[in-house]
Amino acid sequence: MISSTNPVYGVLSLIVCFFNATTLLLSLGIEFVPVSFIIIYVGAIAVLFVFVLMMLNIKAAELKQNSLMLVPVIVTLGFVF
């Protein structure tokens, strides 16, 4: 989700992460929390992110230029964690 170059793909992978968390909680036998994850987070917040990102009209060249400057920071944080 973090390393995707397209922000729309990042939000879609965020939705997949929420569904993965939901299946993990369902496997523990909890019913209310996974349903609330789906309704609140995927139904409202993630869909809102998708619509806002589609309205921003971000160019791919700007994203690539900004991401190349962050490579040392990403490598350093990856090593620390």
Protein backbone atom coordinates (compact mmCIF):
# COMPACT_ATOMS: atom_id res chain seq x y z
CA MET A 1 0.00 0.00 0.00
CA ILE A 2 2.74 2.45 0.88
CA SER A 3 5.07 1.64 -2.00
CA SER A 4 2.49 1.94 -4.79
CA THR A 5 3.22 4.72 -7.27
CA ASN A 6 -0.40 5.41 -8.15
CA PRO A 7 -2.47 6.81 -5.24
CA VAL A 8 -5.66 5.14 -6.46
CA TYR A 9 -3.94 1.74 -6.33
CA GLY A 10 -2.72 2.63 -2.84
CA VAL A 11 -6.27 3.28 -1.66
CA LEU A 12 -7.51 0.08 -3.29
CA SER A 13 -4.82 -1.88 -1.49
CA LEU A 14 -5.91 -0.13 1.72
CA ILE A 15 -9.38 -1.56 1.14
CA VAL A 16 -7.82 -5.02 0.68
CA CYS A 17 -5.96 -4.56 3.99
CA PHE A 18 -9.25 -3.77 5.73
CA PHE A 19 -10.81 -6.93 4.28
CA ASN A 20 -7.80 -8.96 5.48
CA ALA A 21 -8.19 -7.54 8.99
CA THR A 22 -11.88 -8.40 8.82
CA THR A 23 -11.20 -12.03 7.93
CA LEU A 24 -8.67 -12.32 10.74
CA LEU A 25 -11.18 -10.99 13.26
CA LEU A 26 -13.89 -13.28 11.90
CA SER A 27 -11.58 -16.26 12.37
CA LEU A 28 -11.27 -15.30 16.05
CA GLY A 29 -15.02 -15.57 16.44
CA ILE A 30 -15.79 -11.88 16.83
CA GLU A 31 -18.74 -10.78 14.71
CA PHE A 32 -19.46 -7.14 15.54
CA VAL A 33 -16.00 -5.59 15.06
CA PRO A 34 -15.37 -6.97 11.52
CA VAL A 35 -18.79 -5.85 10.36
CA SER A 36 -18.17 -2.39 11.75
CA PHE A 37 -14.76 -2.33 9.97
CA ILE A 38 -16.47 -3.02 6.65
CA ILE A 39 -19.28 -0.52 7.18
CA ILE A 40 -17.25 2.33 8.67
CA TYR A 41 -13.82 2.10 7.09
CA VAL A 42 -14.41 0.56 3.68
CA GLY A 43 -17.88 1.97 3.23
CA ALA A 44 -17.08 5.53 4.16
CA ILE A 45 -13.43 6.45 4.60
CA ALA A 46 -11.77 4.42 1.84
CA VAL A 47 -14.45 5.32 -0.72
CA LEU A 48 -14.03 8.98 0.23
CA PHE A 49 -10.27 8.67 -0.34
CA VAL A 50 -10.88 7.16 -3.79
CA PHE A 51 -13.19 10.00 -4.83
CA VAL A 52 -10.84 12.70 -3.51
CA LEU A 53 -7.85 11.18 -5.29
CA MET A 54 -9.77 10.97 -8.55
CA MET A 55 -10.72 14.64 -8.27
CA LEU A 56 -7.12 15.80 -7.57
CA ASN A 57 -5.80 14.86 -11.05
CA ILE A 58 -2.25 14.05 -9.90
CA LYS A 59 0.24 13.64 -12.71
CA ALA A 60 2.47 10.55 -12.75
CA ALA A 61 5.61 12.59 -13.49
CA GLU A 62 5.19 14.59 -10.29
CA LEU A 63 4.77 11.40 -8.27
CA LYS A 64 7.86 9.79 -9.75
CA GLN A 65 9.99 12.90 -9.15
CA ASN A 66 8.92 13.16 -5.50
CA SER A 67 9.35 9.46 -4.81
CA LEU A 68 12.96 9.39 -6.04
CA MET A 69 13.94 11.98 -3.45
CA LEU A 70 12.56 9.78 -0.66
CA VAL A 71 14.58 6.65 -1.48
CA PRO A 72 17.27 7.28 1.20
CA VAL A 73 14.59 7.91 3.82
CA ILE A 74 12.72 4.73 2.85
CA VAL A 75 15.90 2.65 2.99
CA THR A 76 16.86 4.11 6.38
CA LEU A 77 13.41 3.52 7.89
CA GLY A 78 13.32 0.01 6.41
CA PHE A 79 16.65 -0.77 8.04
CA VAL A 80 15.53 0.64 11.41
CA PHE A 81 12.29 -1.34 11.46
